[in-house]
Protein backbone atom coordinates (compact mmCIF):
# COMPACT_ATOMS: atom_id res chain seq x y z
CA MET A 1 -6.31 19.12 11.72
CA ASP A 2 -3.64 21.18 9.99
CA ASP A 3 -1.89 20.01 6.82
CA ALA A 4 1.26 18.74 8.53
CA ALA A 5 -0.75 16.75 11.07
CA LEU A 6 -2.83 15.24 8.27
CA LEU A 7 0.31 14.14 6.42
CA LEU A 8 1.75 12.58 9.57
CA ALA A 9 -1.55 10.83 10.35
CA ALA A 10 -1.67 9.38 6.84
CA ALA A 11 1.91 8.10 7.19
CA ASP A 12 1.05 6.47 10.51
CA ARG A 13 -2.08 4.88 9.02
CA LEU A 14 -0.10 3.37 6.15
CA GLU A 15 2.43 1.83 8.49
CA THR A 16 -0.28 0.48 10.79
CA LEU A 17 -2.15 -1.12 7.90
CA ALA A 18 1.02 -2.59 6.41
CA ALA A 19 2.04 -4.07 9.76
CA ARG A 20 -1.17 -6.08 10.00
CA THR A 21 -1.23 -7.12 6.35
CA THR A 22 0.43 -10.20 4.88
CA ALA A 23 4.07 -9.41 4.18
CA GLY A 24 6.19 -10.92 1.43
CA GLU A 25 6.59 -10.24 -2.26
CA TRP A 26 3.10 -10.06 -3.73
CA ALA A 27 2.62 -11.72 -7.12
CA LEU A 28 -0.09 -13.00 -9.42
CA ARG A 29 -0.60 -16.65 -10.11
CA GLY A 30 -3.38 -19.01 -10.95
CA LEU A 31 -4.76 -21.02 -13.78
CA LEU A 32 -7.43 -18.63 -15.01
CA ALA A 33 -6.22 -15.40 -16.61
CA SER A 34 -9.62 -13.85 -15.93
CA ARG A 35 -9.43 -14.69 -12.20
CA PRO A 36 -5.83 -14.48 -10.98
CA GLU A 37 -4.86 -15.16 -7.39
CA VAL A 38 -2.68 -12.69 -5.49
CA VAL A 39 -0.14 -14.48 -3.32
CA ALA A 40 2.62 -13.35 -0.99
CA ARG A 41 5.87 -15.20 -1.60
CA PHE A 42 8.34 -15.53 1.26
CA PRO A 43 12.14 -15.94 1.23
CA ASP A 44 11.84 -19.58 2.39
CA GLY A 45 9.91 -20.42 -0.81
CA SER A 46 6.50 -20.66 0.83
CA ALA A 47 3.51 -18.63 -0.28
CA GLU A 48 0.27 -17.40 1.24
CA HIS A 49 -3.00 -16.51 -0.47
CA VAL A 50 -3.70 -12.77 -0.22
CA ALA A 51 -6.70 -12.20 -2.49
CA GLU A 52 -8.56 -13.23 -5.59
CA ALA A 53 -8.74 -10.56 -8.23
CA ARG A 54 -10.20 -9.82 -11.59
CA ALA A 55 -7.82 -9.78 -14.52
CA ARG A 56 -7.73 -5.99 -14.68
CA THR A 57 -7.16 -5.41 -10.95
CA GLY A 58 -4.61 -8.08 -10.06
CA GLU A 59 -1.61 -6.06 -11.17
CA TRP A 60 -2.94 -3.02 -9.26
CA ILE A 61 -3.19 -5.05 -6.05
CA THR A 62 0.31 -6.49 -6.37
CA THR A 63 1.79 -3.08 -7.16
CA LEU A 64 0.25 -1.52 -4.05
CA SER A 65 1.46 -4.23 -1.68
CA PRO A 66 2.60 -3.49 1.89
CA ALA A 67 6.14 -3.07 0.52
CA LEU A 68 5.07 0.37 -0.71
CA ALA A 69 4.00 1.58 2.74
CA GLY A 70 7.46 2.42 4.08
CA PRO A 71 8.62 4.60 1.19
CA LEU A 72 5.20 6.22 0.85
CA ALA A 73 5.02 6.98 4.57
CA ALA A 74 8.52 8.49 4.42
CA TRP A 75 7.45 10.71 1.51
CA LEU A 76 4.36 11.87 3.40
CA ARG A 77 6.44 12.69 6.46
CA SER A 78 8.99 14.64 4.42
CA ALA A 79 6.14 16.53 2.75
CA ALA A 80 4.87 17.70 6.15
CA ARG A 81 7.49 20.46 6.14
CA THR A 82 6.66 23.96 4.94
CA PRO A 83 5.82 24.46 2.17
CA VAL A 84 3.55 21.42 2.12
CA ASP A 85 3.61 19.40 -1.11
CA PRO A 86 0.08 19.66 -2.59
CA ALA A 87 0.33 16.20 -4.20
CA ALA A 88 1.29 14.61 -0.89
CA LEU A 89 -1.55 16.44 0.82
CA ALA A 90 -4.02 15.07 -1.75
CA VAL A 91 -2.74 11.54 -1.09
CA ALA A 92 -2.97 12.08 2.67
CA ARG A 93 -6.58 13.21 2.37
CA LEU A 94 -7.49 10.07 0.44
CA LEU A 95 -5.70 7.84 2.93
CA THR A 96 -7.36 9.36 5.99
CA THR A 97 -10.97 9.46 4.79
CA GLY A 98 -13.23 6.49 4.97
């Protein structure tokens, strides 16, 4: 697979994963600081459990919510032009392995 195809595949993968993941604004809540709960909050005021996290990873999970997929996929697609952005290519490789 050439570099441009890899970037486009990574963008597609992000959008596919985001589409099947709980939407909403992801946030931390819970009673125990050492074991926060990640929840998705919706415009109607409801919320849905997304994950339990450890204190040091909760903020990471909420930061990398599905809301990031669209802008990140757009960046990967724009980086597929010559010359290919090496940073975008590194991200694409990580997203398409495993």
